[in-house]
Amino acid sequence: MTSLTTKELAFIEDEIRAEQITAKTLNWCASQCSDLEFATRLEQMAEEHQLRVADLSQYFNQAGNPQ
């Protein structure tokens, strides 16, 4: 695997944080929602963002730069 530059690693870290914030926000919105169908969709979207966090974290860790 090619080594990543400090700038590239910083971009990955920023994206991980953004995905985490998005997932937390969507979960909060779902908890405030009275429409069950809409709340479920928000929770699904939050889960998709959590999966992105896992994927990005795995890539970040494979680069030999643990968070």
PDB file of N, CA and C in Angstrom:
ATOM      1  N   MET A   1       0.842  -1.174   0.000  1.00  0.00           N
ATOM      2  CA  MET A   1       0.000   0.000   0.000  1.00  0.00           C
ATOM      3  C   MET A   1       0.891   1.242   0.000  1.00  0.00           C
ATOM      4  N   THR A   2       0.502   2.205  -0.786  1.00  0.00           N
ATOM      5  CA  THR A   2       1.237   3.452  -0.874  1.00  0.00           C
ATOM      6  C   THR A   2       1.059   4.254   0.403  1.00  0.00           C
ATOM      7  N   SER A   3       2.123   4.867   0.865  1.00  0.00           N
ATOM      8  CA  SER A   3       2.028   5.706   2.057  1.00  0.00           C
ATOM      9  C   SER A   3       1.239   6.960   1.740  1.00  0.00           C
ATOM     10  N   LEU A   4       0.438   7.369   2.686  1.00  0.00           N
ATOM     11  CA  LEU A   4      -0.349   8.590   2.524  1.00  0.00           C
ATOM     12  C   LEU A   4       0.400   9.765   3.120  1.00  0.00           C
ATOM     13  N   THR A   5       0.184  10.912   2.527  1.00  0.00           N
ATOM     14  CA  THR A   5       0.808  12.118   3.062  1.00  0.00           C
ATOM     15  C   THR A   5       0.052  12.567   4.304  1.00  0.00           C
ATOM     16  N   THR A   6       0.667  13.446   5.049  1.00  0.00           N
ATOM     17  CA  THR A   6       0.024  13.996   6.245  1.00  0.00           C
ATOM     18  C   THR A   6      -1.277  14.696   5.869  1.00  0.00           C
ATOM     19  N   LYS A   7      -1.267  15.391   4.764  1.00  0.00           N
ATOM     20  CA  LYS A   7      -2.466  16.103   4.309  1.00  0.00           C
ATOM     21  C   LYS A   7      -3.585  15.120   3.955  1.00  0.00           C
ATOM     22  N   GLU A   8      -3.232  14.038   3.278  1.00  0.00           N
ATOM     23  CA  GLU A   8      -4.232  13.033   2.925  1.00  0.00           C
ATOM     24  C   GLU A   8      -4.817  12.380   4.175  1.00  0.00           C
ATOM     25  N   LEU A   9      -3.972  12.082   5.138  1.00  0.00           N
ATOM     26  CA  LEU A   9      -4.452  11.496   6.391  1.00  0.00           C
ATOM     27  C   LEU A   9      -5.368  12.467   7.128  1.00  0.00           C
ATOM     28  N   ALA A  10      -5.035  13.743   7.094  1.00  0.00           N
ATOM     29  CA  ALA A  10      -5.887  14.756   7.735  1.00  0.00           C
ATOM     30  C   ALA A  10      -7.254  14.806   7.060  1.00  0.00           C
ATOM     31  N   PHE A  11      -7.281  14.688   5.725  1.00  0.00           N
ATOM     32  CA  PHE A  11      -8.559  14.671   5.012  1.00  0.00           C
ATOM     33  C   PHE A  11      -9.400  13.465   5.430  1.00  0.00           C
ATOM     34  N   ILE A  12      -8.759  12.313   5.570  1.00  0.00           N
ATOM     35  CA  ILE A  12      -9.481  11.111   5.990  1.00  0.00           C
ATOM     36  C   ILE A  12     -10.033  11.299   7.406  1.00  0.00           C
ATOM     37  N   GLU A  13      -9.224  11.830   8.297  1.00  0.00           N
ATOM     38  CA  GLU A  13      -9.691  12.089   9.666  1.00  0.00           C
ATOM     39  C   GLU A  13     -10.877  13.040   9.666  1.00  0.00           C
ATOM     40  N   ASP A  14     -10.798  14.090   8.860  1.00  0.00           N
ATOM     41  CA  ASP A  14     -11.902  15.054   8.771  1.00  0.00           C
ATOM     42  C   ASP A  14     -13.174  14.385   8.264  1.00  0.00           C
ATOM     43  N   GLU A  15     -13.027  13.526   7.276  1.00  0.00           N
ATOM     44  CA  GLU A  15     -14.194  12.835   6.734  1.00  0.00           C
ATOM     45  C   GLU A  15     -14.794  11.879   7.763  1.00  0.00           C
ATOM     46  N   ILE A  16     -13.949  11.207   8.527  1.00  0.00           N
ATOM     47  CA  ILE A  16     -14.448  10.318   9.582  1.00  0.00           C
ATOM     48  C   ILE A  16     -15.278  11.125  10.586  1.00  0.00           C
ATOM     49  N   ARG A  17     -14.745  12.263  11.010  1.00  0.00           N
ATOM     50  CA  ARG A  17     -15.485  13.114  11.956  1.00  0.00           C
ATOM     51  C   ARG A  17     -16.809  13.585  11.363  1.00  0.00           C
ATOM     52  N   ALA A  18     -16.792  13.992  10.096  1.00  0.00           N
ATOM     53  CA  ALA A  18     -18.013  14.463   9.445  1.00  0.00           C
ATOM     54  C   ALA A  18     -19.061  13.358   9.370  1.00  0.00           C
ATOM     55  N   GLU A  19     -18.629  12.148   9.035  1.00  0.00           N
ATOM     56  CA  GLU A  19     -19.561  11.022   8.963  1.00  0.00           C
ATOM     57  C   GLU A  19     -20.128  10.694  10.348  1.00  0.00           C
ATOM     58  N   GLN A  20     -19.296  10.772  11.384  1.00  0.00           N
ATOM     59  CA  GLN A  20     -19.770  10.514  12.749  1.00  0.00           C
ATOM     60  C   GLN A  20     -20.811  11.548  13.163  1.00  0.00           C
ATOM     61  N   ILE A  21     -20.545  12.798  12.885  1.00  0.00           N
ATOM     62  CA  ILE A  21     -21.487  13.871  13.231  1.00  0.00           C
ATOM     63  C   ILE A  21     -22.802  13.684  12.482  1.00  0.00           C
ATOM     64  N   THR A  22     -22.703  13.341  11.200  1.00  0.00           N
ATOM     65  CA  THR A  22     -23.913  13.131  10.402  1.00  0.00           C
ATOM     66  C   THR A  22     -24.739  11.985  10.964  1.00  0.00           C
ATOM     67  N   ALA A  23     -24.086  10.881  11.311  1.00  0.00           N
ATOM     68  CA  ALA A  23     -24.797   9.731  11.875  1.00  0.00           C
ATOM     69  C   ALA A  23     -25.474  10.099  13.193  1.00  0.00           C
ATOM     70  N   LYS A  24     -24.771  10.801  14.055  1.00  0.00           N
ATOM     71  CA  LYS A  24     -25.353  11.206  15.341  1.00  0.00           C
ATOM     72  C   LYS A  24     -26.534  12.146  15.140  1.00  0.00           C
ATOM     73  N   THR A  25     -26.405  13.061  14.190  1.00  0.00           N
ATOM     74  CA  THR A  25     -27.485  14.005  13.911  1.00  0.00           C
ATOM     75  C   THR A  25     -28.714  13.280  13.380  1.00  0.00           C
ATOM     76  N   LEU A  26     -28.505  12.349  12.465  1.00  0.00           N
ATOM     77  CA  LEU A  26     -29.633  11.594  11.921  1.00  0.00           C
ATOM     78  C   LEU A  26     -30.311  10.756  13.003  1.00  0.00           C
ATOM     79  N   ASN A  27     -29.538  10.140  13.878  1.00  0.00           N
ATOM     80  CA  ASN A  27     -30.137   9.380  14.981  1.00  0.00           C
ATOM     81  C   ASN A  27     -30.927  10.288  15.915  1.00  0.00           C
ATOM     82  N   TRP A  28     -30.408  11.473  16.180  1.00  0.00           N
ATOM     83  CA  TRP A  28     -31.127  12.417  17.035  1.00  0.00           C
ATOM     84  C   TRP A  28     -32.429  12.830  16.365  1.00  0.00           C
ATOM     85  N   CYS A  29     -32.370  13.132  15.074  1.00  0.00           N
ATOM     86  CA  CYS A  29     -33.579  13.511  14.342  1.00  0.00           C
ATOM     87  C   CYS A  29     -34.615  12.384  14.382  1.00  0.00           C
ATOM     88  N   ALA A  30     -34.149  11.150  14.211  1.00  0.00           N
ATOM     89  CA  ALA A  30     -35.056  10.003  14.261  1.00  0.00           C
ATOM     90  C   ALA A  30     -35.724   9.901  15.628  1.00  0.00           C
ATOM     91  N   SER A  31     -34.981  10.191  16.681  1.00  0.00           N
ATOM     92  CA  SER A  31     -35.550  10.099  18.031  1.00  0.00           C
ATOM     93  C   SER A  31     -36.588  11.190  18.287  1.00  0.00           C
ATOM     94  N   GLN A  32     -36.523  12.267  17.526  1.00  0.00           N
ATOM     95  CA  GLN A  32     -37.470  13.374  17.688  1.00  0.00           C
ATOM     96  C   GLN A  32     -38.686  13.251  16.773  1.00  0.00           C
ATOM     97  N   CYS A  33     -38.631  12.298  15.875  1.00  0.00           N
ATOM     98  CA  CYS A  33     -39.647  12.168  14.837  1.00  0.00           C
ATOM     99  C   CYS A  33     -40.828  11.324  15.314  1.00  0.00           C
ATOM    100  N   SER A  34     -42.037  11.801  15.066  1.00  0.00           N
ATOM    101  CA  SER A  34     -43.229  11.045  15.472  1.00  0.00           C
ATOM    102  C   SER A  34     -43.711  10.109  14.365  1.00  0.00           C
ATOM    103  N   ASP A  35     -43.281  10.314  13.153  1.00  0.00           N
ATOM    104  CA  ASP A  35     -43.632   9.458  12.021  1.00  0.00           C
ATOM    105  C   ASP A  35     -42.689   8.258  12.013  1.00  0.00           C
ATOM    106  N   LEU A  36     -43.205   7.090  12.323  1.00  0.00           N
ATOM    107  CA  LEU A  36     -42.377   5.885  12.459  1.00  0.00           C
ATOM    108  C   LEU A  36     -41.645   5.534  11.165  1.00  0.00           C
ATOM    109  N   GLU A  37     -42.313   5.650  10.046  1.00  0.00           N
ATOM    110  CA  GLU A  37     -41.684   5.325   8.767  1.00  0.00           C
ATOM    111  C   GLU A  37     -40.514   6.269   8.485  1.00  0.00           C
ATOM    112  N   PHE A  38     -40.716   7.539   8.734  1.00  0.00           N
ATOM    113  CA  PHE A  38     -39.664   8.526   8.517  1.00  0.00           C
ATOM    114  C   PHE A  38     -38.514   8.316   9.506  1.00  0.00           C
ATOM    115  N   ALA A  39     -38.848   8.031  10.755  1.00  0.00           N
ATOM    116  CA  ALA A  39     -37.821   7.786  11.769  1.00  0.00           C
ATOM    117  C   ALA A  39     -36.974   6.572  11.391  1.00  0.00           C
ATOM    118  N   THR A  40     -37.613   5.544  10.883  1.00  0.00           N
ATOM    119  CA  THR A  40     -36.893   4.340  10.457  1.00  0.00           C
ATOM    120  C   THR A  40     -35.937   4.661   9.319  1.00  0.00           C
ATOM    121  N   ARG A  41     -36.392   5.466   8.368  1.00  0.00           N
ATOM    122  CA  ARG A  41     -35.516   5.836   7.245  1.00  0.00           C
ATOM    123  C   ARG A  41     -34.325   6.655   7.743  1.00  0.00           C
ATOM    124  N   LEU A  42     -34.554   7.565   8.686  1.00  0.00           N
ATOM    125  CA  LEU A  42     -33.461   8.345   9.253  1.00  0.00           C
ATOM    126  C   LEU A  42     -32.441   7.436   9.946  1.00  0.00           C
ATOM    127  N   GLU A  43     -32.948   6.436  10.670  1.00  0.00           N
ATOM    128  CA  GLU A  43     -32.056   5.487  11.339  1.00  0.00           C
ATOM    129  C   GLU A  43     -31.243   4.678  10.328  1.00  0.00           C
ATOM    130  N   GLN A  44     -31.874   4.311   9.209  1.00  0.00           N
ATOM    131  CA  GLN A  44     -31.159   3.590   8.160  1.00  0.00           C
ATOM    132  C   GLN A  44     -30.048   4.463   7.570  1.00  0.00           C
ATOM    133  N   MET A  45     -30.358   5.722   7.357  1.00  0.00           N
ATOM    134  CA  MET A  45     -29.358   6.646   6.822  1.00  0.00           C
ATOM    135  C   MET A  45     -28.204   6.805   7.813  1.00  0.00           C
ATOM    136  N   ALA A  46     -28.527   6.880   9.094  1.00  0.00           N
ATOM    137  CA  ALA A  46     -27.490   6.990  10.117  1.00  0.00           C
ATOM    138  C   ALA A  46     -26.591   5.759  10.090  1.00  0.00           C
ATOM    139  N   GLU A  47     -27.196   4.592   9.923  1.00  0.00           N
ATOM    140  CA  GLU A  47     -26.415   3.352   9.865  1.00  0.00           C
ATOM    141  C   GLU A  47     -25.480   3.346   8.654  1.00  0.00           C
ATOM    142  N   GLU A  48     -25.952   3.865   7.529  1.00  0.00           N
ATOM    143  CA  GLU A  48     -25.101   3.945   6.339  1.00  0.00           C
ATOM    144  C   GLU A  48     -23.873   4.815   6.611  1.00  0.00           C
ATOM    145  N   HIS A  49     -24.065   5.900   7.333  1.00  0.00           N
ATOM    146  CA  HIS A  49     -22.941   6.776   7.662  1.00  0.00           C
ATOM    147  C   HIS A  49     -21.995   6.100   8.653  1.00  0.00           C
ATOM    148  N   GLN A  50     -22.543   5.322   9.582  1.00  0.00           N
ATOM    149  CA  GLN A  50     -21.693   4.579  10.518  1.00  0.00           C
ATOM    150  C   GLN A  50     -20.852   3.545   9.779  1.00  0.00           C
ATOM    151  N   LEU A  51     -21.424   2.935   8.766  1.00  0.00           N
ATOM    152  CA  LEU A  51     -20.665   1.972   7.967  1.00  0.00           C
ATOM    153  C   LEU A  51     -19.531   2.674   7.219  1.00  0.00           C
ATOM    154  N   ARG A  52     -19.779   3.889   6.770  1.00  0.00           N
ATOM    155  CA  ARG A  52     -18.716   4.665   6.124  1.00  0.00           C
ATOM    156  C   ARG A  52     -17.601   4.978   7.115  1.00  0.00           C
ATOM    157  N   VAL A  53     -17.987   5.279   8.351  1.00  0.00           N
ATOM    158  CA  VAL A  53     -16.983   5.533   9.393  1.00  0.00           C
ATOM    159  C   VAL A  53     -16.108   4.293   9.555  1.00  0.00           C
ATOM    160  N   ALA A  54     -16.737   3.132   9.612  1.00  0.00           N
ATOM    161  CA  ALA A  54     -15.988   1.882   9.771  1.00  0.00           C
ATOM    162  C   ALA A  54     -15.053   1.653   8.582  1.00  0.00           C
ATOM    163  N   ASP A  55     -15.562   1.890   7.371  1.00  0.00           N
ATOM    164  CA  ASP A  55     -14.732   1.712   6.176  1.00  0.00           C
ATOM    165  C   ASP A  55     -13.551   2.674   6.170  1.00  0.00           C
ATOM    166  N   LEU A  56     -13.813   3.933   6.460  1.00  0.00           N
ATOM    167  CA  LEU A  56     -12.741   4.930   6.475  1.00  0.00           C
ATOM    168  C   LEU A  56     -11.724   4.638   7.574  1.00  0.00           C
ATOM    169  N   SER A  57     -12.214   4.225   8.732  1.00  0.00           N
ATOM    170  CA  SER A  57     -11.316   3.910   9.841  1.00  0.00           C
ATOM    171  C   SER A  57     -10.427   2.732   9.486  1.00  0.00           C
ATOM    172  N   GLN A  58     -11.012   1.739   8.828  1.00  0.00           N
ATOM    173  CA  GLN A  58     -10.234   0.574   8.419  1.00  0.00           C
ATOM    174  C   GLN A  58      -9.145   1.002   7.434  1.00  0.00           C
ATOM    175  N   TYR A  59      -9.481   1.823   6.482  1.00  0.00           N
ATOM    176  CA  TYR A  59      -8.496   2.303   5.509  1.00  0.00           C
ATOM    177  C   TYR A  59      -7.407   3.104   6.206  1.00  0.00           C
ATOM    178  N   PHE A  60      -7.837   3.959   7.129  1.00  0.00           N
ATOM    179  CA  PHE A  60      -6.907   4.797   7.878  1.00  0.00           C
ATOM    180  C   PHE A  60      -5.937   3.924   8.673  1.00  0.00           C
ATOM    181  N   ASN A  61      -6.449   2.908   9.327  1.00  0.00           N
ATOM    182  CA  ASN A  61      -5.611   2.017  10.128  1.00  0.00           C
ATOM    183  C   ASN A  61      -4.687   1.160   9.262  1.00  0.00           C
ATOM    184  N   GLN A  62      -5.138   0.766   8.082  1.00  0.00           N
ATOM    185  CA  GLN A  62      -4.298  -0.008   7.169  1.00  0.00           C
ATOM    186  C   GLN A  62      -3.113   0.827   6.685  1.00  0.00           C
ATOM    187  N   ALA A  63      -3.289   2.131   6.680  1.00  0.00           N
ATOM    188  CA  ALA A  63      -2.206   3.010   6.237  1.00  0.00           C
ATOM    189  C   ALA A  63      -1.103   3.092   7.301  1.00  0.00           C
ATOM    190  N   GLY A  64      -1.339   2.406   8.421  1.00  0.00           N
ATOM    191  CA  GLY A  64      -0.337   2.369   9.481  1.00  0.00           C
ATOM    192  C   GLY A  64      -0.369   3.592  10.376  1.00  0.00           C
ATOM    193  N   ASN A  65      -1.515   4.232  10.422  1.00  0.00           N
ATOM    194  CA  ASN A  65      -1.673   5.462  11.201  1.00  0.00           C
ATOM    195  C   ASN A  65      -2.926   5.356  12.050  1.00  0.00           C
ATOM    196  N   PRO A  66      -2.866   4.627  13.160  1.00  0.00           N
ATOM    197  CA  PRO A  66      -4.060   4.455  13.989  1.00  0.00           C
ATOM    198  C   PRO A  66      -4.560   5.796  14.517  1.00  0.00           C
ATOM    199  N   GLN A  67      -5.884   5.856  14.674  1.00  0.00           N
ATOM    200  CA  GLN A  67      -6.513   7.086  15.156  1.00  0.00           C
ATOM    201  C   GLN A  67      -6.126   7.394  16.566  1.00  0.00           C
TER     202      GLN A  67
END
